[in-house]
Amino acid sequence: MKTNVLLAVAALTLALSACEKIGSEETLTPTVPELTLAEQAKKYADEHTTIQGPVPLVVNALPKSVKVTLGPFISSYSFGYDSQNQWISIVDDQIGSSGFSITYDPVARKATGGNISFQLNQEGLAESGVGFFVNGKVANNQYFYKNGYLVSMADSKNLTKMKYSSNGDLLEWSGVTHRGDKTQNVYEYTEYPNTIRQEILGWATPQFSFRGDFLGKYSSRLLKKAVINENNGMNISMEFTYSFDSNGRVSRMQIKRNDDQDVQYEYSY
């Protein structure tokens, strides 16, 4: 009799333990996998406010060359375009070499710039870029757009976000540049249309974007001010003024920097 009672108590204890276990399992909150950097970049692009772009559309003036003056130093650069007026090269005339060169393979929907190969989508925009930056760092990027404007990108370590106004002016850039350098930039704009593919991501001269048109549209208007905050502690503020020729094209761009290293650009067409 005593044995039967002990067995009954043991069975009841096991049953209660099982019920508690089931109950605790039912109340567990399922874990949600953390988004990858590429998924975060896509989410940011999807949620970015609508970018209408400028009206009327900005037509690039296609300058042939520019002379850059920084103190006693003068350099000149020549620009190259393809039959679709895409920007494909920048050549330093003093040394005769190209600091920027793009080739296209329309059949494979690929573009190559330096040591990076870009896969393009049906619209001609880069979806990914694989290779090496000029600083030797590995490039393995994915790109995301809003109405043709690059608003985010991701590699294995960095999430880069761009914030635009509704008319297509880049207001903030946080992350890495097209050359893999970490930076955080803030911009203000004039009312002049950006007809020279102006895109300034760093403080160092020359201030060219060094990227193909397949990485999205450029800002709608010319810059009034840019503040460049690089991860090496270099914080440079630049203010811009412009002169125009009789055809309304930018003939001169002057940049006043807070480090007293002012720069002048003179464009030829």
C-alpha atoms as a PDB file:
ATOM      1  CA  MET A   1       0.000   0.000   0.000  1.00  0.00           C
ATOM      2  CA  LYS A   2       2.793   2.352   0.957  1.00  0.00           C
ATOM      3  CA  THR A   3       4.551   1.577  -2.318  1.00  0.00           C
ATOM      4  CA  ASN A   4       1.424   2.464  -4.322  1.00  0.00           C
ATOM      5  CA  VAL A   5       1.153   5.809  -2.565  1.00  0.00           C
ATOM      6  CA  LEU A   6       4.777   6.674  -3.319  1.00  0.00           C
ATOM      7  CA  LEU A   7       4.315   5.761  -6.974  1.00  0.00           C
ATOM      8  CA  ALA A   8       1.220   7.943  -7.210  1.00  0.00           C
ATOM      9  CA  VAL A   9       3.041  10.908  -5.659  1.00  0.00           C
ATOM     10  CA  ALA A  10       5.969  10.461  -8.078  1.00  0.00           C
ATOM     11  CA  ALA A  11       3.625  10.319 -11.068  1.00  0.00           C
ATOM     12  CA  LEU A  12       1.816  13.485  -9.943  1.00  0.00           C
ATOM     13  CA  THR A  13       5.142  15.310  -9.492  1.00  0.00           C
ATOM     14  CA  LEU A  14       6.247  14.357 -12.996  1.00  0.00           C
ATOM     15  CA  ALA A  15       2.933  15.472 -14.483  1.00  0.00           C
ATOM     16  CA  LEU A  16       3.103  18.857 -12.749  1.00  0.00           C
ATOM     17  CA  SER A  17       6.705  19.301 -13.896  1.00  0.00           C
ATOM     18  CA  ALA A  18       5.698  18.549 -17.488  1.00  0.00           C
ATOM     19  CA  CYS A  19       2.839  21.048 -17.323  1.00  0.00           C
ATOM     20  CA  GLU A  20       5.169  23.740 -15.988  1.00  0.00           C
ATOM     21  CA  LYS A  21       7.633  22.987 -18.782  1.00  0.00           C
ATOM     22  CA  ILE A  22       4.957  23.190 -21.459  1.00  0.00           C
ATOM     23  CA  GLY A  23       3.631  26.399 -19.966  1.00  0.00           C
ATOM     24  CA  SER A  24       7.051  27.999 -19.883  1.00  0.00           C
ATOM     25  CA  GLU A  25       7.745  26.969 -23.477  1.00  0.00           C
ATOM     26  CA  GLU A  26       4.481  28.502 -24.631  1.00  0.00           C
ATOM     27  CA  THR A  27       5.379  31.871 -23.108  1.00  0.00           C
ATOM     28  CA  LEU A  28       8.835  32.145 -24.747  1.00  0.00           C
ATOM     29  CA  THR A  29       9.182  35.084 -27.118  1.00  0.00           C
ATOM     30  CA  PRO A  30      10.500  33.957 -30.510  1.00  0.00           C
ATOM     31  CA  THR A  31      13.803  35.555 -31.488  1.00  0.00           C
ATOM     32  CA  VAL A  32      13.925  37.740 -34.599  1.00  0.00           C
ATOM     33  CA  PRO A  33      17.126  37.392 -36.655  1.00  0.00           C
ATOM     34  CA  GLU A  34      19.140  40.626 -36.764  1.00  0.00           C
ATOM     35  CA  LEU A  35      19.119  42.292 -40.161  1.00  0.00           C
ATOM     36  CA  THR A  36      22.313  42.103 -42.164  1.00  0.00           C
ATOM     37  CA  LEU A  37      23.950  45.384 -43.227  1.00  0.00           C
ATOM     38  CA  ALA A  38      22.634  44.886 -46.763  1.00  0.00           C
ATOM     39  CA  GLU A  39      19.113  44.291 -45.420  1.00  0.00           C
ATOM     40  CA  GLN A  40      19.417  47.427 -43.273  1.00  0.00           C
ATOM     41  CA  ALA A  41      20.553  49.394 -46.327  1.00  0.00           C
ATOM     42  CA  LYS A  42      17.600  48.136 -48.376  1.00  0.00           C
ATOM     43  CA  LYS A  43      15.170  48.927 -45.541  1.00  0.00           C
ATOM     44  CA  TYR A  44      16.555  52.468 -45.300  1.00  0.00           C
ATOM     45  CA  ALA A  45      16.182  52.954 -49.069  1.00  0.00           C
ATOM     46  CA  ASP A  46      12.619  51.615 -49.038  1.00  0.00           C
ATOM     47  CA  GLU A  47      11.655  53.943 -46.177  1.00  0.00           C
ATOM     48  CA  HIS A  48      13.438  57.062 -47.498  1.00  0.00           C
ATOM     49  CA  THR A  49      11.000  59.845 -48.330  1.00  0.00           C
ATOM     50  CA  THR A  50      10.087  60.261 -51.986  1.00  0.00           C
ATOM     51  CA  ILE A  51      12.674  62.056 -54.131  1.00  0.00           C
ATOM     52  CA  GLN A  52      10.914  63.834 -56.986  1.00  0.00           C
ATOM     53  CA  GLY A  53      14.032  65.323 -58.555  1.00  0.00           C
ATOM     54  CA  PRO A  54      14.377  68.744 -60.223  1.00  0.00           C
ATOM     55  CA  VAL A  55      11.876  70.282 -62.630  1.00  0.00           C
ATOM     56  CA  PRO A  56      12.994  70.888 -65.315  1.00  0.00           C
ATOM     57  CA  LEU A  57      15.648  68.173 -65.453  1.00  0.00           C
ATOM     58  CA  VAL A  58      19.273  69.296 -65.171  1.00  0.00           C
ATOM     59  CA  VAL A  59      21.278  68.891 -68.380  1.00  0.00           C
ATOM     60  CA  ASN A  60      25.011  68.364 -67.898  1.00  0.00           C
ATOM     61  CA  ALA A  61      27.087  71.000 -69.682  1.00  0.00           C
ATOM     62  CA  LEU A  62      29.932  68.500 -70.392  1.00  0.00           C
ATOM     63  CA  PRO A  63      33.003  70.583 -69.599  1.00  0.00           C
ATOM     64  CA  LYS A  64      36.078  69.439 -71.534  1.00  0.00           C
ATOM     65  CA  SER A  65      38.667  70.429 -68.943  1.00  0.00           C
ATOM     66  CA  VAL A  66      39.292  72.305 -65.717  1.00  0.00           C
ATOM     67  CA  LYS A  67      42.274  74.176 -64.277  1.00  0.00           C
ATOM     68  CA  VAL A  68      42.653  73.843 -60.514  1.00  0.00           C
ATOM     69  CA  THR A  69      44.638  76.401 -58.517  1.00  0.00           C
ATOM     70  CA  LEU A  70      45.605  75.747 -54.900  1.00  0.00           C
ATOM     71  CA  GLY A  71      48.000  78.429 -53.649  1.00  0.00           C
ATOM     72  CA  PRO A  72      51.085  78.348 -55.926  1.00  0.00           C
ATOM     73  CA  PHE A  73      50.115  74.942 -57.351  1.00  0.00           C
ATOM     74  CA  ILE A  74      48.244  74.698 -60.659  1.00  0.00           C
ATOM     75  CA  SER A  75      46.925  71.452 -62.157  1.00  0.00           C
ATOM     76  CA  SER A  76      44.716  70.747 -65.153  1.00  0.00           C
ATOM     77  CA  TYR A  77      42.403  67.838 -65.871  1.00  0.00           C
ATOM     78  CA  SER A  78      40.598  66.674 -69.010  1.00  0.00           C
ATOM     79  CA  PHE A  79      37.184  64.989 -68.955  1.00  0.00           C
ATOM     80  CA  GLY A  80      36.056  62.159 -71.232  1.00  0.00           C
ATOM     81  CA  TYR A  81      32.512  61.095 -72.147  1.00  0.00           C
ATOM     82  CA  ASP A  82      31.012  58.252 -74.158  1.00  0.00           C
ATOM     83  CA  SER A  83      28.372  58.463 -76.915  1.00  0.00           C
ATOM     84  CA  GLN A  84      25.618  58.597 -74.247  1.00  0.00           C
ATOM     85  CA  ASN A  85      27.416  61.520 -72.543  1.00  0.00           C
ATOM     86  CA  GLN A  86      28.267  59.358 -69.555  1.00  0.00           C
ATOM     87  CA  TRP A  87      31.330  60.478 -67.620  1.00  0.00           C
ATOM     88  CA  ILE A  88      34.040  57.868 -68.314  1.00  0.00           C
ATOM     89  CA  SER A  89      37.428  59.467 -67.546  1.00  0.00           C
ATOM     90  CA  ILE A  90      39.379  62.189 -65.769  1.00  0.00           C
ATOM     91  CA  VAL A  91      42.970  62.610 -66.966  1.00  0.00           C
ATOM     92  CA  ASP A  92      45.645  64.540 -65.095  1.00  0.00           C
ATOM     93  CA  ASP A  93      47.203  66.546 -67.952  1.00  0.00           C
ATOM     94  CA  GLN A  94      50.502  67.080 -66.108  1.00  0.00           C
ATOM     95  CA  ILE A  95      51.327  63.389 -65.812  1.00  0.00           C
ATOM     96  CA  GLY A  96      49.129  62.115 -68.642  1.00  0.00           C
ATOM     97  CA  SER A  97      47.478  59.417 -66.546  1.00  0.00           C
ATOM     98  CA  SER A  98      43.876  58.799 -65.626  1.00  0.00           C
ATOM     99  CA  GLY A  99      42.809  59.030 -62.009  1.00  0.00           C
ATOM    100  CA  PHE A 100      39.393  57.786 -63.062  1.00  0.00           C
ATOM    101  CA  SER A 101      38.407  55.559 -65.963  1.00  0.00           C
ATOM    102  CA  ILE A 102      35.246  53.578 -66.714  1.00  0.00           C
ATOM    103  CA  THR A 103      34.602  50.876 -69.334  1.00  0.00           C
ATOM    104  CA  TYR A 104      31.209  49.376 -70.121  1.00  0.00           C
ATOM    105  CA  ASP A 105      30.070  45.940 -71.300  1.00  0.00           C
ATOM    106  CA  PRO A 106      26.405  46.524 -72.244  1.00  0.00           C
ATOM    107  CA  VAL A 107      25.797  42.869 -73.173  1.00  0.00           C
ATOM    108  CA  ALA A 108      26.860  41.562 -69.766  1.00  0.00           C
ATOM    109  CA  ARG A 109      25.507  44.702 -68.056  1.00  0.00           C
ATOM    110  CA  LYS A 110      28.860  45.329 -66.399  1.00  0.00           C
ATOM    111  CA  ALA A 111      31.027  48.377 -65.807  1.00  0.00           C
ATOM    112  CA  THR A 112      34.631  48.442 -64.654  1.00  0.00           C
ATOM    113  CA  GLY A 113      36.224  51.346 -62.827  1.00  0.00           C
ATOM    114  CA  GLY A 114      39.790  50.964 -61.611  1.00  0.00           C
ATOM    115  CA  ASN A 115      39.970  47.630 -59.800  1.00  0.00           C
ATOM    116  CA  ILE A 116      36.219  47.332 -59.182  1.00  0.00           C
ATOM    117  CA  SER A 117      33.738  45.457 -61.360  1.00  0.00           C
ATOM    118  CA  PHE A 118      30.116  46.621 -61.124  1.00  0.00           C
ATOM    119  CA  GLN A 119      27.047  44.561 -62.004  1.00  0.00           C
ATOM    120  CA  LEU A 120      24.320  46.767 -63.482  1.00  0.00           C
ATOM    121  CA  ASN A 121      20.546  46.268 -63.431  1.00  0.00           C
ATOM    122  CA  GLN A 122      18.118  46.742 -66.316  1.00  0.00           C
ATOM    123  CA  GLU A 123      18.063  50.503 -65.659  1.00  0.00           C
ATOM    124  CA  GLY A 124      21.846  50.734 -65.908  1.00  0.00           C
ATOM    125  CA  LEU A 125      22.361  51.302 -62.178  1.00  0.00           C
ATOM    126  CA  ALA A 126      24.977  49.377 -60.220  1.00  0.00           C
ATOM    127  CA  GLU A 127      23.593  46.625 -57.989  1.00  0.00           C
ATOM    128  CA  SER A 128      26.970  45.509 -56.653  1.00  0.00           C
ATOM    129  CA  GLY A 129      30.675  46.281 -56.890  1.00  0.00           C
ATOM    130  CA  VAL A 130      33.509  43.836 -56.202  1.00  0.00           C
ATOM    131  CA  GLY A 131      37.275  44.401 -56.231  1.00  0.00           C
ATOM    132  CA  PHE A 132      39.708  46.799 -54.544  1.00  0.00           C
ATOM    133  CA  PHE A 133      39.645  50.518 -53.736  1.00  0.00           C
ATOM    134  CA  VAL A 134      42.604  52.760 -54.577  1.00  0.00           C
ATOM    135  CA  ASN A 135      43.678  52.548 -50.910  1.00  0.00           C
ATOM    136  CA  GLY A 136      43.939  48.755 -51.205  1.00  0.00           C
ATOM    137  CA  LYS A 137      40.861  47.957 -49.124  1.00  0.00           C
ATOM    138  CA  VAL A 138      38.576  45.204 -50.377  1.00  0.00           C
ATOM    139  CA  ALA A 139      35.391  46.407 -52.088  1.00  0.00           C
ATOM    140  CA  ASN A 140      32.316  44.198 -51.880  1.00  0.00           C
ATOM    141  CA  ASN A 141      29.383  46.607 -52.016  1.00  0.00           C
ATOM    142  CA  GLN A 142      25.651  46.432 -52.570  1.00  0.00           C
ATOM    143  CA  TYR A 143      23.791  49.575 -53.707  1.00  0.00           C
ATOM    144  CA  PHE A 144      20.196  50.724 -53.161  1.00  0.00           C
ATOM    145  CA  TYR A 145      18.305  53.596 -54.830  1.00  0.00           C
ATOM    146  CA  LYS A 146      15.255  55.824 -54.639  1.00  0.00           C
ATOM    147  CA  ASN A 147      14.053  57.175 -58.009  1.00  0.00           C
ATOM    148  CA  GLY A 148      17.549  56.717 -59.418  1.00  0.00           C
ATOM    149  CA  TYR A 149      19.360  58.380 -56.486  1.00  0.00           C
ATOM    150  CA  LEU A 150      21.829  56.270 -54.505  1.00  0.00           C
ATOM    151  CA  VAL A 151      20.513  56.434 -50.931  1.00  0.00           C
ATOM    152  CA  SER A 152      22.335  53.577 -49.208  1.00  0.00           C
ATOM    153  CA  MET A 153      25.033  50.974 -49.663  1.00  0.00           C
ATOM    154  CA  ALA A 154      26.576  48.196 -47.604  1.00  0.00           C
ATOM    155  CA  ASP A 155      29.721  46.093 -47.512  1.00  0.00           C
ATOM    156  CA  SER A 156      30.817  43.464 -44.988  1.00  0.00           C
ATOM    157  CA  LYS A 157      31.628  46.085 -42.326  1.00  0.00           C
ATOM    158  CA  ASN A 158      29.925  49.378 -43.160  1.00  0.00           C
ATOM    159  CA  LEU A 159      26.408  50.701 -43.632  1.00  0.00           C
ATOM    160  CA  THR A 160      26.325  53.961 -45.583  1.00  0.00           C
ATOM    161  CA  LYS A 161      23.252  56.202 -45.614  1.00  0.00           C
ATOM    162  CA  MET A 162      22.478  59.287 -47.693  1.00  0.00           C
ATOM    163  CA  LYS A 163      19.668  61.715 -46.946  1.00  0.00           C
ATOM    164  CA  TYR A 164      18.111  63.726 -49.805  1.00  0.00           C
ATOM    165  CA  SER A 165      15.676  66.589 -50.121  1.00  0.00           C
ATOM    166  CA  SER A 166      12.531  65.971 -52.176  1.00  0.00           C
ATOM    167  CA  ASN A 167      14.022  67.809 -55.181  1.00  0.00           C
ATOM    168  CA  GLY A 168      17.129  65.592 -55.268  1.00  0.00           C
ATOM    169  CA  ASP A 169      19.781  67.437 -53.265  1.00  0.00           C
ATOM    170  CA  LEU A 170      22.087  65.327 -51.099  1.00  0.00           C
ATOM    171  CA  LEU A 171      21.824  66.707 -47.542  1.00  0.00           C
ATOM    172  CA  GLU A 172      23.837  64.196 -45.511  1.00  0.00           C
ATOM    173  CA  TRP A 173      26.281  61.368 -46.254  1.00  0.00           C
ATOM    174  CA  SER A 174      27.202  59.024 -43.394  1.00  0.00           C
ATOM    175  CA  GLY A 175      29.447  55.977 -43.790  1.00  0.00           C
ATOM    176  CA  VAL A 176      32.085  55.440 -46.461  1.00  0.00           C
ATOM    177  CA  THR A 177      32.729  57.175 -49.781  1.00  0.00           C
ATOM    178  CA  HIS A 178      32.950  55.642 -53.260  1.00  0.00           C
ATOM    179  CA  ARG A 179      36.640  55.146 -52.495  1.00  0.00           C
ATOM    180  CA  GLY A 180      36.115  53.329 -49.212  1.00  0.00           C
ATOM    181  CA  ASP A 181      37.077  56.213 -46.891  1.00  0.00           C
ATOM    182  CA  LYS A 182      34.953  56.754 -43.787  1.00  0.00           C
ATOM    183  CA  THR A 183      33.327  60.167 -43.587  1.00  0.00           C
ATOM    184  CA  GLN A 184      30.299  62.116 -42.397  1.00  0.00           C
ATOM    185  CA  ASN A 185      29.253  65.086 -44.534  1.00  0.00           C
ATOM    186  CA  VAL A 186      26.568  67.777 -44.384  1.00  0.00           C
ATOM    187  CA  TYR A 187      25.567  69.990 -47.339  1.00  0.00           C
ATOM    188  CA  GLU A 188      23.778  73.249 -48.187  1.00  0.00           C
ATOM    189  CA  TYR A 189      22.855  74.426 -51.706  1.00  0.00           C
ATOM    190  CA  THR A 190      22.564  77.448 -53.960  1.00  0.00           C
ATOM    191  CA  GLU A 191      19.751  77.925 -56.476  1.00  0.00           C
ATOM    192  CA  TYR A 192      22.062  77.199 -59.451  1.00  0.00           C
ATOM    193  CA  PRO A 193      21.535  73.907 -61.325  1.00  0.00           C
ATOM    194  CA  ASN A 194      24.314  71.320 -60.984  1.00  0.00           C
ATOM    195  CA  THR A 195      25.456  71.100 -64.620  1.00  0.00           C
ATOM    196  CA  ILE A 196      29.013  69.917 -63.840  1.00  0.00           C
ATOM    197  CA  ARG A 197      28.286  66.599 -62.059  1.00  0.00           C
ATOM    198  CA  GLN A 198      29.398  68.174 -58.811  1.00  0.00           C
ATOM    199  CA  GLU A 199      29.636  65.715 -55.908  1.00  0.00           C
ATOM    200  CA  ILE A 200      32.136  66.458 -53.145  1.00  0.00           C
ATOM    201  CA  LEU A 201      32.775  63.714 -50.605  1.00  0.00           C
ATOM    202  CA  GLY A 202      36.202  64.740 -49.271  1.00  0.00           C
ATOM    203  CA  TRP A 203      38.220  67.839 -48.444  1.00  0.00           C
ATOM    204  CA  ALA A 204      41.292  67.054 -50.592  1.00  0.00           C
ATOM    205  CA  THR A 205      41.821  68.660 -53.991  1.00  0.00           C
ATOM    206  CA  PRO A 206      40.812  67.902 -56.676  1.00  0.00           C
ATOM    207  CA  GLN A 207      37.156  67.659 -55.658  1.00  0.00           C
ATOM    208  CA  PHE A 208      35.750  65.208 -58.202  1.00  0.00           C
ATOM    209  CA  SER A 209      33.361  62.380 -57.422  1.00  0.00           C
ATOM    210  CA  PHE A 210      35.532  59.713 -59.123  1.00  0.00           C
ATOM    211  CA  ARG A 211      32.551  57.486 -59.901  1.00  0.00           C
ATOM    212  CA  GLY A 212      30.463  56.481 -62.877  1.00  0.00           C
ATOM    213  CA  ASP A 213      26.983  57.767 -63.666  1.00  0.00           C
ATOM    214  CA  PHE A 214      25.741  54.195 -63.012  1.00  0.00           C
ATOM    215  CA  LEU A 215      25.944  55.007 -59.286  1.00  0.00           C
ATOM    216  CA  GLY A 216      22.922  57.244 -59.495  1.00  0.00           C
ATOM    217  CA  LYS A 217      21.909  60.818 -60.162  1.00  0.00           C
ATOM    218  CA  TYR A 218      23.862  63.818 -58.924  1.00  0.00           C
ATOM    219  CA  SER A 219      22.431  66.539 -56.692  1.00  0.00           C
ATOM    220  CA  SER A 220      20.111  68.945 -58.488  1.00  0.00           C
ATOM    221  CA  ARG A 221      21.821  72.197 -57.466  1.00  0.00           C
ATOM    222  CA  LEU A 222      25.360  73.468 -56.970  1.00  0.00           C
ATOM    223  CA  LEU A 223      26.745  73.477 -53.446  1.00  0.00           C
ATOM    224  CA  LYS A 224      26.745  76.516 -51.212  1.00  0.00           C
ATOM    225  CA  LYS A 225      28.511  74.845 -48.275  1.00  0.00           C
ATOM    226  CA  ALA A 226      29.925  71.437 -47.367  1.00  0.00           C
ATOM    227  CA  VAL A 227      31.198  70.250 -43.988  1.00  0.00           C
ATOM    228  CA  ILE A 228      33.452  67.191 -44.222  1.00  0.00           C
ATOM    229  CA  ASN A 229      34.063  65.234 -40.999  1.00  0.00           C
ATOM    230  CA  GLU A 230      36.516  62.409 -41.660  1.00  0.00           C
ATOM    231  CA  ASN A 231      37.325  59.638 -39.194  1.00  0.00           C
ATOM    232  CA  ASN A 232      40.945  60.802 -38.928  1.00  0.00           C
ATOM    233  CA  GLY A 233      39.778  63.924 -37.085  1.00  0.00           C
ATOM    234  CA  MET A 234      40.035  66.178 -40.146  1.00  0.00           C
ATOM    235  CA  ASN A 235      37.016  68.497 -40.093  1.00  0.00           C
ATOM    236  CA  ILE A 236      36.890  70.890 -43.028  1.00  0.00           C
ATOM    237  CA  SER A 237      34.207  73.463 -43.851  1.00  0.00           C
ATOM    238  CA  MET A 238      34.029  74.664 -47.460  1.00  0.00           C
ATOM    239  CA  GLU A 239      32.015  77.549 -48.902  1.00  0.00           C
ATOM    240  CA  PHE A 240      31.386  77.835 -52.659  1.00  0.00           C
ATOM    241  CA  THR A 241      30.904  80.743 -55.063  1.00  0.00           C
ATOM    242  CA  TYR A 242      30.496  80.607 -58.854  1.00  0.00           C
ATOM    243  CA  SER A 243      30.920  82.620 -62.031  1.00  0.00           C
ATOM    244  CA  PHE A 244      29.158  81.822 -65.317  1.00  0.00           C
ATOM    245  CA  ASP A 245      29.913  82.353 -69.009  1.00  0.00           C
ATOM    246  CA  SER A 246      27.599  83.982 -71.584  1.00  0.00           C
ATOM    247  CA  ASN A 247      25.867  80.599 -72.128  1.00  0.00           C
ATOM    248  CA  GLY A 248      25.034  80.228 -68.446  1.00  0.00           C
ATOM    249  CA  ARG A 249      27.651  77.501 -67.897  1.00  0.00           C
ATOM    250  CA  VAL A 250      29.883  77.397 -64.820  1.00  0.00           C
ATOM    251  CA  SER A 251      33.148  79.095 -65.768  1.00  0.00           C
ATOM    252  CA  ARG A 252      34.657  79.361 -62.308  1.00  0.00           C
ATOM    253  CA  MET A 253      34.115  77.709 -58.946  1.00  0.00           C
ATOM    254  CA  GLN A 254      35.857  79.088 -55.880  1.00  0.00           C
ATOM    255  CA  ILE A 255      36.083  77.126 -52.628  1.00  0.00           C
ATOM    256  CA  LYS A 256      36.941  78.924 -49.400  1.00  0.00           C
ATOM    257  CA  ARG A 257      38.087  76.471 -46.735  1.00  0.00           C
ATOM    258  CA  ASN A 258      38.344  77.044 -43.001  1.00  0.00           C
ATOM    259  CA  ASP A 259      41.975  75.853 -43.100  1.00  0.00           C
ATOM    260  CA  ASP A 260      42.840  78.857 -45.321  1.00  0.00           C
ATOM    261  CA  GLN A 261      43.658  76.575 -48.260  1.00  0.00           C
ATOM    262  CA  ASP A 262      41.346  78.182 -50.838  1.00  0.00           C
ATOM    263  CA  VAL A 263      40.880  76.516 -54.241  1.00  0.00           C
ATOM    264  CA  GLN A 264      39.787  77.836 -57.653  1.00  0.00           C
ATOM    265  CA  TYR A 265      38.405  75.784 -60.555  1.00  0.00           C
ATOM    266  CA  GLU A 266      38.240  77.234 -64.083  1.00  0.00           C
ATOM    267  CA  TYR A 267      36.123  75.239 -66.557  1.00  0.00           C
ATOM    268  CA  SER A 268      36.530  75.081 -70.357  1.00  0.00           C
ATOM    269  CA  TYR A 269      33.950  73.783 -72.842  1.00  0.00           C
END
